N, C-alpha and C. Protein backbone atom coordinates (compact mmCIF):
# COMPACT_ATOMS: atom_id res chain seq x y z
N MET A 1 0.89 -1.14 0.21
CA MET A 1 -0.09 -0.02 0.12
C MET A 1 0.84 1.41 0.09
N LEU A 2 2.01 1.23 1.00
CA LEU A 2 2.96 2.39 0.83
C LEU A 2 3.60 2.67 -0.54
N ASN A 3 3.72 1.49 -1.08
CA ASN A 3 4.41 1.49 -2.61
C ASN A 3 3.46 2.16 -3.56
N LYS A 4 2.21 1.91 -3.34
CA LYS A 4 1.44 2.73 -4.28
C LYS A 4 1.36 3.96 -4.16
N LYS A 5 0.93 4.52 -2.93
CA LYS A 5 1.45 5.79 -2.82
C LYS A 5 2.32 6.56 -3.33
N ILE A 6 3.44 5.93 -2.57
CA ILE A 6 4.99 6.41 -3.12
C ILE A 6 4.85 6.68 -5.07
N GLY A 7 4.43 5.51 -5.59
CA GLY A 7 4.40 5.42 -6.90
C GLY A 7 3.39 6.75 -7.61
N LYS A 8 2.15 6.77 -6.84
CA LYS A 8 1.56 7.62 -7.15
C LYS A 8 2.10 9.10 -7.03
N ILE A 9 2.54 9.33 -6.15
CA ILE A 9 3.31 10.59 -5.83
C ILE A 9 4.52 10.68 -7.05
N PHE A 10 5.19 9.74 -7.25
CA PHE A 10 6.21 10.05 -7.98
C PHE A 10 5.56 10.09 -9.66
N LEU A 11 4.66 9.50 -9.34
CA LEU A 11 3.80 9.76 -11.05
C LEU A 11 3.43 11.59 -11.09
N VAL A 12 2.85 11.80 -10.33
CA VAL A 12 2.17 13.26 -9.95
C VAL A 12 3.33 14.17 -10.25
N ILE A 13 4.35 13.81 -9.56
CA ILE A 13 5.64 14.56 -9.57
C ILE A 13 6.30 14.66 -10.89
N PHE A 14 6.28 13.61 -11.67
CA PHE A 14 6.65 13.39 -12.93
C PHE A 14 6.15 14.18 -14.03
N LEU A 15 4.69 13.91 -13.95
CA LEU A 15 3.71 14.63 -14.91
C LEU A 15 3.88 16.01 -14.40
N ILE A 16 4.00 16.54 -13.05
CA ILE A 16 4.15 18.31 -13.12
C ILE A 16 5.58 18.59 -13.74
N LEU A 17 6.60 17.84 -13.54
CA LEU A 17 8.01 18.23 -14.44
C LEU A 17 7.93 18.33 -15.80
N ILE A 18 7.05 17.10 -16.33
CA ILE A 18 6.75 17.16 -17.87
C ILE A 18 5.91 18.25 -18.33
N GLY A 19 5.15 18.76 -17.53
CA GLY A 19 4.01 19.93 -17.61
C GLY A 19 4.76 21.17 -18.01
N PHE A 20 5.61 21.29 -16.61
CA PHE A 20 6.57 22.46 -16.61
C PHE A 20 7.58 22.60 -17.93
N TYR A 21 8.24 21.64 -17.90
CA TYR A 21 9.02 21.14 -19.13
C TYR A 21 8.59 22.05 -20.59
N PHE A 22 7.47 21.44 -20.89
CA PHE A 22 6.46 21.80 -22.11
C PHE A 22 6.28 23.34 -22.09
N PHE A 23 5.67 23.71 -20.94
CA PHE A 23 5.24 25.00 -20.70
C PHE A 23 6.84 26.02 -20.59
N TYR A 24 7.70 25.55 -20.17
CA TYR A 24 9.01 26.33 -20.33
C TYR A 24 9.50 26.47 -21.73
N SER A 25 9.33 25.39 -22.54
CA SER A 25 10.03 25.40 -23.75
C SER A 25 9.07 26.16 -24.73
N LYS A 26 7.54 25.89 -24.55
CA LYS A 26 6.76 27.01 -25.36
C LYS A 26 6.84 28.22 -25.16
N PHE A 27 6.83 28.44 -23.74
CA PHE A 27 7.15 30.29 -23.52
C PHE A 27 8.44 30.63 -24.21
N PHE A 28 9.62 29.95 -23.80
CA PHE A 28 10.76 30.67 -24.10
C PHE A 28 11.01 30.53 -25.69
N SER A 29 10.39 29.65 -26.14
CA SER A 29 10.71 29.23 -27.86
C SER A 29 9.76 30.64 -28.41
N LYS A 30 8.83 30.77 -27.89
CA LYS A 30 7.87 32.22 -28.32
C LYS A 30 8.69 33.31 -28.01
N ASP A 31 9.27 33.48 -27.10
CA ASP A 31 10.20 34.46 -26.65
C ASP A 31 11.42 34.82 -27.78
N LYS A 32 11.93 33.54 -28.12
CA LYS A 32 13.11 33.88 -28.99
C LYS A 32 12.44 34.18 -30.34
N ILE A 33 11.40 33.47 -30.76
CA ILE A 33 10.78 33.97 -32.23
C ILE A 33 10.49 35.42 -31.88
N ILE A 34 10.20 35.88 -31.09
CA ILE A 34 9.50 37.42 -30.68
C ILE A 34 10.89 38.17 -30.80
N LYS A 35 11.90 37.77 -30.13
CA LYS A 35 13.24 38.66 -30.20
C LYS A 35 13.98 38.67 -31.75
N ALA A 36 13.66 37.35 -32.39
CA ALA A 36 14.35 37.52 -33.69
C ALA A 36 13.47 38.35 -34.37
N GLU A 37 12.11 38.17 -34.34
CA GLU A 37 11.67 39.21 -35.33
C GLU A 37 11.75 40.58 -35.19
N ILE A 38 12.07 40.86 -33.59
CA ILE A 38 12.58 42.13 -33.67
C ILE A 38 13.56 42.87 -34.01
N GLU A 39 14.51 41.77 -33.92
CA GLU A 39 16.31 42.05 -34.42
C GLU A 39 15.85 42.35 -35.72
N GLU A 40 15.15 41.49 -36.67
CA GLU A 40 15.24 41.54 -37.80
C GLU A 40 14.56 42.88 -38.61
N ILE A 41 13.43 43.31 -37.69
CA ILE A 41 12.90 44.71 -37.88
C ILE A 41 13.88 45.78 -37.35
N GLU A 42 14.71 45.70 -36.84
CA GLU A 42 15.78 46.83 -36.19
C GLU A 42 16.46 46.75 -37.46
N GLU A 43 16.96 45.68 -37.89
CA GLU A 43 18.26 45.40 -38.97
C GLU A 43 17.61 46.10 -40.49
N ASN A 44 16.03 45.90 -40.52
CA ASN A 44 15.58 46.42 -41.72
C ASN A 44 15.76 47.86 -41.70
N LEU A 45 15.45 48.26 -40.66
CA LEU A 45 15.19 49.99 -40.25
C LEU A 45 16.58 50.39 -40.46
N TYR A 46 17.63 49.98 -39.99
CA TYR A 46 18.92 50.54 -40.37
C TYR A 46 19.50 50.29 -41.91
N SER A 47 19.12 49.36 -42.29
CA SER A 47 19.44 49.07 -43.81
C SER A 47 18.23 49.69 -44.79
N SER A 48 17.72 50.68 -44.27
CA SER A 48 16.41 51.18 -45.25
C SER A 48 16.94 51.64 -46.33
N ASN A 49 16.10 51.72 -47.30
CA ASN A 49 16.31 52.55 -48.80
C ASN A 49 15.57 53.63 -48.90
N VAL A 50 14.81 54.30 -47.75
CA VAL A 50 14.39 55.52 -47.77
C VAL A 50 15.13 56.62 -47.98
N ILE A 51 15.09 57.75 -48.59
CA ILE A 51 15.96 59.01 -48.38
C ILE A 51 14.76 60.16 -48.28
N ASN A 52 14.92 60.95 -47.15
CA ASN A 52 14.18 62.18 -47.10
C ASN A 52 14.68 63.33 -47.90
N ASP A 53 13.68 64.13 -48.53
CA ASP A 53 14.21 65.53 -49.20
C ASP A 53 15.08 65.06 -50.25
N VAL A 54 14.50 64.28 -51.15
CA VAL A 54 15.56 64.07 -52.39
C VAL A 54 15.25 64.91 -53.43
N SER A 55 16.46 65.17 -54.09
CA SER A 55 16.14 65.91 -55.55
C SER A 55 17.10 65.57 -56.57
N TYR A 56 16.96 65.75 -57.84
CA TYR A 56 17.74 65.21 -58.79
C TYR A 56 17.60 66.52 -59.57
N THR A 57 18.51 66.69 -60.68
CA THR A 57 18.80 67.85 -61.39
C THR A 57 19.49 67.18 -62.76
N THR A 58 18.96 67.48 -63.97
CA THR A 58 19.79 67.16 -65.34
C THR A 58 19.42 68.30 -66.47
N LYS A 59 20.43 68.00 -67.42
CA LYS A 59 20.21 69.19 -68.24
C LYS A 59 20.47 68.29 -69.56
N ASP A 60 19.93 68.04 -70.71
CA ASP A 60 19.96 67.26 -71.67
C ASP A 60 20.84 68.14 -72.84
N THR A 61 21.15 67.62 -73.85
CA THR A 61 22.15 68.10 -74.85
C THR A 61 21.60 69.19 -75.57
N ASN A 62 20.18 69.54 -75.46
CA ASN A 62 19.55 70.63 -76.12
C ASN A 62 19.69 71.70 -75.05
N GLY A 63 19.84 71.50 -73.95
CA GLY A 63 20.05 72.79 -72.91
C GLY A 63 18.71 72.62 -72.13
N ASN A 64 17.87 71.82 -72.24
CA ASN A 64 16.87 71.88 -71.44
C ASN A 64 16.82 71.51 -70.15
N GLU A 65 16.38 71.76 -68.92
CA GLU A 65 16.69 71.56 -67.43
C GLU A 65 15.38 70.78 -66.88
N TYR A 66 15.81 69.71 -66.28
CA TYR A 66 14.79 69.17 -65.31
C TYR A 66 15.32 69.39 -64.02
N LEU A 67 14.43 69.42 -62.90
CA LEU A 67 14.55 69.66 -61.78
C LEU A 67 13.46 68.79 -60.95
N ILE A 68 13.85 67.88 -60.21
CA ILE A 68 12.68 67.20 -59.17
C ILE A 68 13.12 66.77 -58.03
N LYS A 69 12.27 67.38 -57.29
CA LYS A 69 12.17 66.89 -55.78
C LYS A 69 10.95 66.45 -55.03
N ALA A 70 11.32 65.47 -53.96
CA ALA A 70 10.29 64.92 -53.27
C ALA A 70 10.64 64.94 -51.76
N LEU A 71 9.34 64.71 -50.99
CA LEU A 71 9.85 64.90 -49.85
C LEU A 71 10.03 63.55 -49.10
N ILE A 72 9.95 62.31 -49.85
CA ILE A 72 10.25 60.95 -49.43
C ILE A 72 10.77 60.30 -51.05
N GLY A 73 11.86 59.77 -50.92
CA GLY A 73 12.62 58.85 -51.98
C GLY A 73 12.75 57.51 -51.56
N GLU A 74 12.44 56.41 -52.47
CA GLU A 74 12.48 55.28 -52.01
C GLU A 74 13.00 54.27 -52.95
N ILE A 75 14.25 53.63 -52.92
CA ILE A 75 15.13 52.94 -53.69
C ILE A 75 14.20 51.48 -53.99
N ASP A 76 14.27 51.41 -55.24
CA ASP A 76 13.56 49.71 -55.60
C ASP A 76 15.01 49.16 -55.23
N PHE A 77 14.23 47.84 -54.39
CA PHE A 77 15.28 47.01 -54.27
C PHE A 77 15.80 46.07 -55.41
N ASN A 78 14.73 45.81 -56.06
CA ASN A 78 14.94 45.11 -57.39
C ASN A 78 15.60 45.58 -58.47
N ASN A 79 15.36 47.19 -58.74
CA ASN A 79 16.02 47.96 -59.60
C ASN A 79 16.61 49.21 -58.95
N SER A 80 17.94 49.34 -58.82
CA SER A 80 18.28 50.40 -57.96
C SER A 80 18.13 51.63 -58.87
N GLN A 81 18.04 51.49 -59.99
CA GLN A 81 17.75 52.89 -60.75
C GLN A 81 16.39 53.47 -60.74
N ILE A 82 15.44 52.96 -60.23
CA ILE A 82 14.08 53.25 -59.90
C ILE A 82 13.86 54.08 -58.54
N ILE A 83 13.39 55.05 -58.51
CA ILE A 83 13.22 55.62 -56.98
C ILE A 83 11.41 56.03 -56.89
N TYR A 84 10.97 55.40 -55.90
CA TYR A 84 9.52 55.91 -55.79
C TYR A 84 9.56 56.95 -54.96
N LEU A 85 8.82 58.21 -55.37
CA LEU A 85 8.67 59.45 -54.83
C LEU A 85 7.23 59.61 -54.25
N THR A 86 7.39 60.51 -53.10
CA THR A 86 6.05 60.90 -52.47
C THR A 86 6.15 62.33 -52.10
N LYS A 87 5.11 62.87 -52.58
CA LYS A 87 5.07 64.72 -52.50
C LYS A 87 6.11 65.20 -53.61
N VAL A 88 5.55 65.00 -54.63
CA VAL A 88 6.85 65.29 -55.60
C VAL A 88 6.67 66.81 -56.40
N GLN A 89 7.90 67.52 -56.71
CA GLN A 89 7.38 68.72 -57.24
C GLN A 89 8.40 68.54 -58.41
N ALA A 90 8.32 69.04 -59.61
CA ALA A 90 9.33 69.01 -60.71
C ALA A 90 9.23 70.57 -61.54
N LEU A 91 10.53 70.82 -61.89
CA LEU A 91 10.44 71.98 -62.83
C LEU A 91 11.30 71.79 -63.84
N ILE A 92 10.60 72.21 -65.22
CA ILE A 92 11.11 71.83 -66.40
C ILE A 92 11.49 73.10 -66.97
N LYS A 93 12.55 73.68 -67.51
CA LYS A 93 12.90 74.71 -67.79
C LYS A 93 13.51 74.22 -69.48
N LEU A 94 12.53 74.42 -70.09
CA LEU A 94 12.78 73.94 -71.76
C LEU A 94 13.65 75.37 -72.29
N LYS A 95 14.75 75.16 -73.04
CA LYS A 95 15.40 76.44 -73.87
C LYS A 95 14.34 76.92 -74.75
N ASN A 96 14.47 78.08 -74.89
CA ASN A 96 13.41 79.24 -75.46
C ASN A 96 11.92 79.05 -75.33
N SER A 97 11.68 78.49 -74.04
CA SER A 97 10.32 78.41 -73.85
C SER A 97 10.29 78.99 -72.09
N ASN A 98 8.89 78.87 -71.73
CA ASN A 98 8.93 79.36 -70.08
C ASN A 98 8.70 78.35 -69.25
N LEU A 99 8.76 78.46 -68.16
CA LEU A 99 9.02 77.20 -67.08
C LEU A 99 7.65 76.56 -66.72
N ILE A 100 7.67 75.14 -66.99
CA ILE A 100 6.63 74.37 -66.58
C ILE A 100 6.77 73.67 -65.25
N THR A 101 5.84 74.03 -64.13
CA THR A 101 6.03 72.88 -62.86
C THR A 101 4.92 71.72 -62.99
N ILE A 102 5.40 70.87 -62.28
CA ILE A 102 4.45 69.73 -62.26
C ILE A 102 4.35 69.29 -60.70
N THR A 103 3.31 69.16 -60.02
CA THR A 103 3.21 68.42 -58.74
C THR A 103 2.52 67.44 -58.78
N SER A 104 2.79 66.13 -58.03
CA SER A 104 1.73 65.24 -57.54
C SER A 104 2.08 64.54 -56.54
N ASP A 105 1.31 63.76 -55.97
CA ASP A 105 1.21 62.72 -54.86
C ASP A 105 2.48 62.25 -54.77
N PHE A 106 2.38 61.30 -56.13
CA PHE A 106 3.49 60.20 -56.06
C PHE A 106 4.47 60.21 -57.24
N GLY A 107 5.59 59.47 -57.44
CA GLY A 107 6.19 59.55 -58.79
C GLY A 107 7.10 58.43 -58.99
N LYS A 108 7.83 57.95 -60.05
CA LYS A 108 8.62 56.77 -60.14
C LYS A 108 9.42 57.62 -61.16
N TYR A 109 10.68 57.25 -60.58
CA TYR A 109 11.95 58.38 -61.25
C TYR A 109 12.84 57.29 -61.66
N ASN A 110 13.20 57.15 -63.12
CA ASN A 110 14.41 56.58 -63.38
C ASN A 110 15.62 57.73 -63.55
N ILE A 111 16.89 57.18 -62.79
CA ILE A 111 17.80 57.66 -62.56
C ILE A 111 18.63 58.03 -64.07
N ASN A 112 18.74 56.64 -64.84
CA ASN A 112 19.28 56.56 -65.74
C ASN A 112 18.79 57.47 -66.97
N ASN A 113 17.64 57.48 -67.39
CA ASN A 113 17.00 58.12 -68.41
C ASN A 113 16.12 59.42 -68.03
N TYR A 114 16.02 59.65 -66.73
CA TYR A 114 15.07 60.57 -66.17
C TYR A 114 13.78 60.72 -66.53
N ASP A 115 13.11 59.71 -67.02
CA ASP A 115 11.92 59.23 -67.48
C ASP A 115 11.10 59.36 -65.97
N THR A 116 9.74 60.13 -65.62
CA THR A 116 9.23 59.99 -64.69
C THR A 116 7.72 59.79 -64.91
N ILE A 117 7.09 59.05 -64.09
CA ILE A 117 5.85 58.82 -63.82
C ILE A 117 5.35 59.41 -62.71
N PHE A 118 4.41 60.42 -62.99
CA PHE A 118 3.71 61.01 -62.02
C PHE A 118 2.50 60.64 -61.74
N SER A 119 1.70 60.39 -60.41
CA SER A 119 0.48 59.90 -60.36
C SER A 119 -0.23 60.55 -59.09
N LYS A 120 -1.39 60.42 -59.10
CA LYS A 120 -2.56 61.06 -58.13
C LYS A 120 -2.24 62.55 -57.93
N ASP A 121 -3.40 63.28 -58.28
CA ASP A 121 -3.47 64.50 -58.35
C ASP A 121 -2.16 65.25 -58.93
N VAL A 122 -2.08 65.16 -60.24
CA VAL A 122 -1.09 65.52 -60.85
C VAL A 122 -1.76 67.08 -61.44
N ILE A 123 -0.59 68.22 -61.32
CA ILE A 123 -0.82 69.24 -61.57
C ILE A 123 0.14 69.99 -62.64
N ILE A 124 0.14 70.30 -63.71
CA ILE A 124 1.08 70.88 -64.60
C ILE A 124 0.40 72.61 -64.85
N SER A 125 1.56 73.05 -64.43
CA SER A 125 1.46 74.67 -64.81
C SER A 125 2.31 75.45 -65.77
N TYR A 126 1.59 76.12 -66.67
CA TYR A 126 2.52 76.65 -67.80
C TYR A 126 1.81 77.92 -68.12
N LEU A 127 2.52 78.99 -67.91
CA LEU A 127 2.05 80.50 -68.05
C LEU A 127 0.69 80.42 -67.40
N ASP A 128 -0.69 80.74 -68.14
CA ASP A 128 -1.46 80.71 -67.17
C ASP A 128 -2.36 79.79 -67.56
N ASN A 129 -1.91 78.55 -67.73
CA ASN A 129 -2.57 77.29 -68.14
C ASN A 129 -2.14 76.38 -66.87
N SER A 130 -3.28 75.59 -66.65
CA SER A 130 -3.14 74.37 -65.74
C SER A 130 -3.87 73.20 -66.50
N ILE A 131 -3.16 71.76 -66.00
CA ILE A 131 -3.58 70.81 -66.71
C ILE A 131 -3.70 69.90 -65.23
N LYS A 132 -4.98 69.44 -65.17
CA LYS A 132 -4.89 68.43 -64.07
C LYS A 132 -5.20 66.94 -64.26
N GLY A 133 -4.68 66.03 -63.58
CA GLY A 133 -5.25 64.47 -64.27
C GLY A 133 -4.78 63.66 -62.83
N GLU A 134 -4.52 62.33 -63.18
CA GLU A 134 -4.36 61.53 -62.18
C GLU A 134 -2.94 60.48 -62.68
N TYR A 135 -2.36 60.93 -63.90
CA TYR A 135 -1.54 60.23 -64.52
C TYR A 135 -0.73 60.86 -65.52
N LEU A 136 0.63 60.98 -65.07
CA LEU A 136 1.59 61.72 -66.50
C LEU A 136 2.79 61.04 -66.39
N ASP A 137 2.88 60.65 -67.69
CA ASP A 137 4.22 60.12 -68.18
C ASP A 137 4.92 61.16 -68.87
N PHE A 138 6.56 61.40 -68.44
CA PHE A 138 6.88 62.57 -68.96
C PHE A 138 8.20 61.76 -69.14
N SER A 139 8.94 62.04 -70.35
CA SER A 139 10.08 61.62 -70.82
C SER A 139 11.08 62.40 -71.57
N LEU A 140 12.30 62.66 -71.36
CA LEU A 140 12.95 63.81 -72.15
C LEU A 140 13.29 62.96 -73.45
N ASN A 141 13.59 61.58 -73.19
CA ASN A 141 14.23 61.04 -74.25
C ASN A 141 13.04 61.08 -75.50
N ARG A 142 12.11 60.50 -75.12
CA ARG A 142 11.00 60.60 -76.24
C ARG A 142 10.41 62.19 -76.60
N SER A 143 10.86 63.12 -75.59
CA SER A 143 10.48 64.55 -75.72
C SER A 143 8.98 64.33 -75.57
N THR A 144 8.09 63.60 -74.74
CA THR A 144 6.93 63.50 -74.60
C THR A 144 6.48 63.75 -73.15
N MET A 145 5.11 64.46 -73.04
CA MET A 145 4.63 64.43 -71.85
C MET A 145 3.22 64.11 -72.20
N ILE A 146 2.60 63.10 -71.47
CA ILE A 146 1.23 62.34 -71.79
C ILE A 146 0.45 62.39 -70.45
N ILE A 147 -0.44 63.38 -70.31
CA ILE A 147 -1.28 63.15 -69.13
C ILE A 147 -2.56 62.52 -69.24
N SER A 148 -3.31 61.68 -68.72
CA SER A 148 -4.36 60.96 -68.86
C SER A 148 -5.18 60.84 -67.40
N ARG A 149 -6.17 60.45 -67.58
CA ARG A 149 -7.10 59.82 -66.56
C ARG A 149 -7.47 61.22 -65.94
N ASP A 150 -8.99 61.30 -66.30
CA ASP A 150 -10.00 62.72 -65.77
C ASP A 150 -9.07 64.09 -65.99
N VAL A 151 -8.46 64.18 -67.24
CA VAL A 151 -7.89 65.25 -67.49
C VAL A 151 -8.75 66.51 -67.67
N VAL A 152 -8.28 67.69 -66.92
CA VAL A 152 -9.04 68.90 -67.10
C VAL A 152 -7.88 70.07 -67.34
N TYR A 153 -8.38 70.62 -68.55
CA TYR A 153 -7.19 71.81 -68.82
C TYR A 153 -8.18 73.10 -68.61
N ASN A 154 -7.20 73.93 -67.83
CA ASN A 154 -7.95 75.38 -67.83
C ASN A 154 -7.15 76.31 -68.33
N ASN A 155 -7.34 77.52 -68.93
CA ASN A 155 -6.71 78.76 -69.01
C ASN A 155 -7.64 79.68 -68.70
N MET A 156 -7.17 81.14 -69.10
CA MET A 156 -8.19 82.32 -68.92
C MET A 156 -9.53 82.06 -69.56
N VAL A 157 -9.65 81.44 -70.72
CA VAL A 157 -10.70 81.66 -71.63
C VAL A 157 -11.53 80.42 -71.46
N ASN A 158 -11.00 79.31 -71.64
CA ASN A 158 -11.60 77.66 -71.64
C ASN A 158 -11.19 76.73 -70.48
N THR A 159 -12.14 76.08 -70.69
CA THR A 159 -11.90 74.80 -69.77
C THR A 159 -12.17 73.58 -70.82
N LEU A 160 -11.27 72.57 -70.87
CA LEU A 160 -11.47 71.18 -71.38
C LEU A 160 -11.42 70.17 -70.55
N ASN A 161 -12.22 68.96 -71.18
CA ASN A 161 -12.07 67.68 -70.47
C ASN A 161 -11.78 66.62 -71.41
N ALA A 162 -10.87 65.78 -71.22
CA ALA A 162 -10.59 64.94 -72.33
C ALA A 162 -9.99 63.65 -71.44
N ASP A 163 -9.61 62.69 -72.21
CA ASP A 163 -9.12 61.33 -71.72
C ASP A 163 -7.52 61.41 -71.60
N VAL A 164 -7.08 62.06 -72.84
CA VAL A 164 -5.65 62.10 -72.78
C VAL A 164 -5.23 63.49 -73.48
N ILE A 165 -3.98 64.13 -72.75
CA ILE A 165 -3.51 65.15 -73.68
C ILE A 165 -2.07 64.69 -73.60
N GLU A 166 -1.46 65.02 -75.01
CA GLU A 166 -0.08 64.63 -75.37
C GLU A 166 0.65 65.48 -75.88
N MET A 167 1.67 65.98 -75.34
CA MET A 167 2.61 66.99 -75.96
C MET A 167 3.74 66.58 -76.59
N ASN A 168 4.29 66.97 -77.51
CA ASN A 168 5.88 66.76 -77.89
C ASN A 168 6.75 68.14 -77.25
N ILE A 169 7.39 67.86 -76.16
CA ILE A 169 8.28 69.07 -75.74
C ILE A 169 9.11 69.68 -76.75
N LYS A 170 9.48 68.93 -77.75
CA LYS A 170 10.57 69.90 -78.81
C LYS A 170 9.68 70.68 -79.88
N THR A 171 8.48 70.10 -80.27
CA THR A 171 7.84 70.85 -81.34
C THR A 171 6.51 71.63 -80.66
N LYS A 172 6.60 71.13 -79.53
CA LYS A 172 5.25 72.00 -78.97
C LYS A 172 3.57 71.53 -79.41
N ASP A 173 3.66 70.26 -80.48
CA ASP A 173 2.43 69.99 -80.94
C ASP A 173 1.70 69.12 -79.81
N VAL A 174 0.50 69.39 -79.77
CA VAL A 174 -0.50 68.57 -78.61
C VAL A 174 -1.48 67.93 -79.37
N LYS A 175 -1.82 66.83 -78.81
CA LYS A 175 -2.89 65.89 -79.42
C LYS A 175 -3.96 65.72 -78.04
N ILE A 176 -5.36 66.01 -77.98
CA ILE A 176 -6.22 65.88 -77.24
C ILE A 176 -7.29 64.61 -77.73
N PHE A 177 -7.38 63.72 -76.84
CA PHE A 177 -8.34 62.69 -77.53
C PHE A 177 -9.03 62.06 -76.51
N MET A 178 -9.90 61.37 -76.71
CA MET A 178 -10.79 60.48 -75.84
C MET A 178 -10.29 59.25 -76.25
N TYR A 179 -10.43 58.17 -75.42
CA TYR A 179 -10.19 56.70 -75.68
C TYR A 179 -11.12 56.24 -76.37
N GLU A 180 -12.44 56.30 -76.10
CA GLU A 180 -13.41 55.76 -77.07
C GLU A 180 -14.11 56.82 -78.17
N GLU A 181 -14.27 56.04 -79.27
CA GLU A 181 -14.51 56.89 -80.35
C GLU A 181 -15.92 57.67 -80.37
N ASP A 182 -16.76 56.99 -79.63
CA ASP A 182 -18.46 57.80 -79.31
C ASP A 182 -18.07 59.03 -78.43
N LYS A 183 -17.17 59.22 -77.69
CA LYS A 183 -17.11 60.29 -76.88
C LYS A 183 -16.29 61.26 -77.54
N LYS A 184 -16.83 62.73 -77.03
CA LYS A 184 -15.90 63.58 -77.39
C LYS A 184 -15.37 64.60 -76.39
N VAL A 185 -14.36 65.09 -76.82
CA VAL A 185 -13.42 66.06 -75.92
C VAL A 185 -14.43 67.22 -75.41
N LYS A 186 -14.70 67.76 -74.63
CA LYS A 186 -15.48 68.64 -74.08
C LYS A 186 -14.86 70.11 -73.85
N ILE A 187 -15.37 71.13 -74.29
CA ILE A 187 -14.68 72.32 -73.91
C ILE A 187 -15.62 73.41 -73.86
N GLN A 188 -15.36 74.18 -72.90
CA GLN A 188 -16.16 75.03 -72.28
C GLN A 188 -15.65 76.29 -72.22
N ASN A 189 -16.63 77.37 -72.95
CA ASN A 189 -15.63 78.88 -72.93
C ASN A 189 -16.10 79.47 -71.65
N LYS A 190 -15.29 80.16 -70.96
CA LYS A 190 -15.73 80.58 -69.77
C LYS A 190 -16.45 82.12 -69.88
N ASN A 191 -16.43 82.78 -70.88
CA ASN A 191 -17.00 84.14 -71.37
C ASN A 191 -18.55 83.97 -71.53
């Protein structure tokens, strides 16, 4: 009878020890995982690809200057030639022409060819003209500025609504069109 009581006590102690072992190993292994995740996050913060107050300037062979600034720039890990921009401002100084300013919420800038895609709340200002849209593809190499998506052009006399306005920077030729043939460009005279 005494042997049975001692056996039960050892069995209970053995089960308690096994329970503590599993509890202890589970608790501390989760702690190790959490510590490893925190260390990884901290390591990524220190090797961050984010640049504050970024600006780039270039001048092409024709003497045109292009300056782009952004509140934040983030280098693409897969392609270090691409920088994603936030709160973007650009100045284009075309030779023998007036200054063009561009603002947008976001941008994608290629540091090799200076091509820039502006997106969300894009505003182009030139003399007394302004063009608003959601997407602008600007290329010095192709000498084009193509603004699309809910395009509204304003000057002192007219307001124009279209799907796309495409401008050749060198020749100053402009194409204004709609994507669908049955839809027409809308022009309103302010007078």
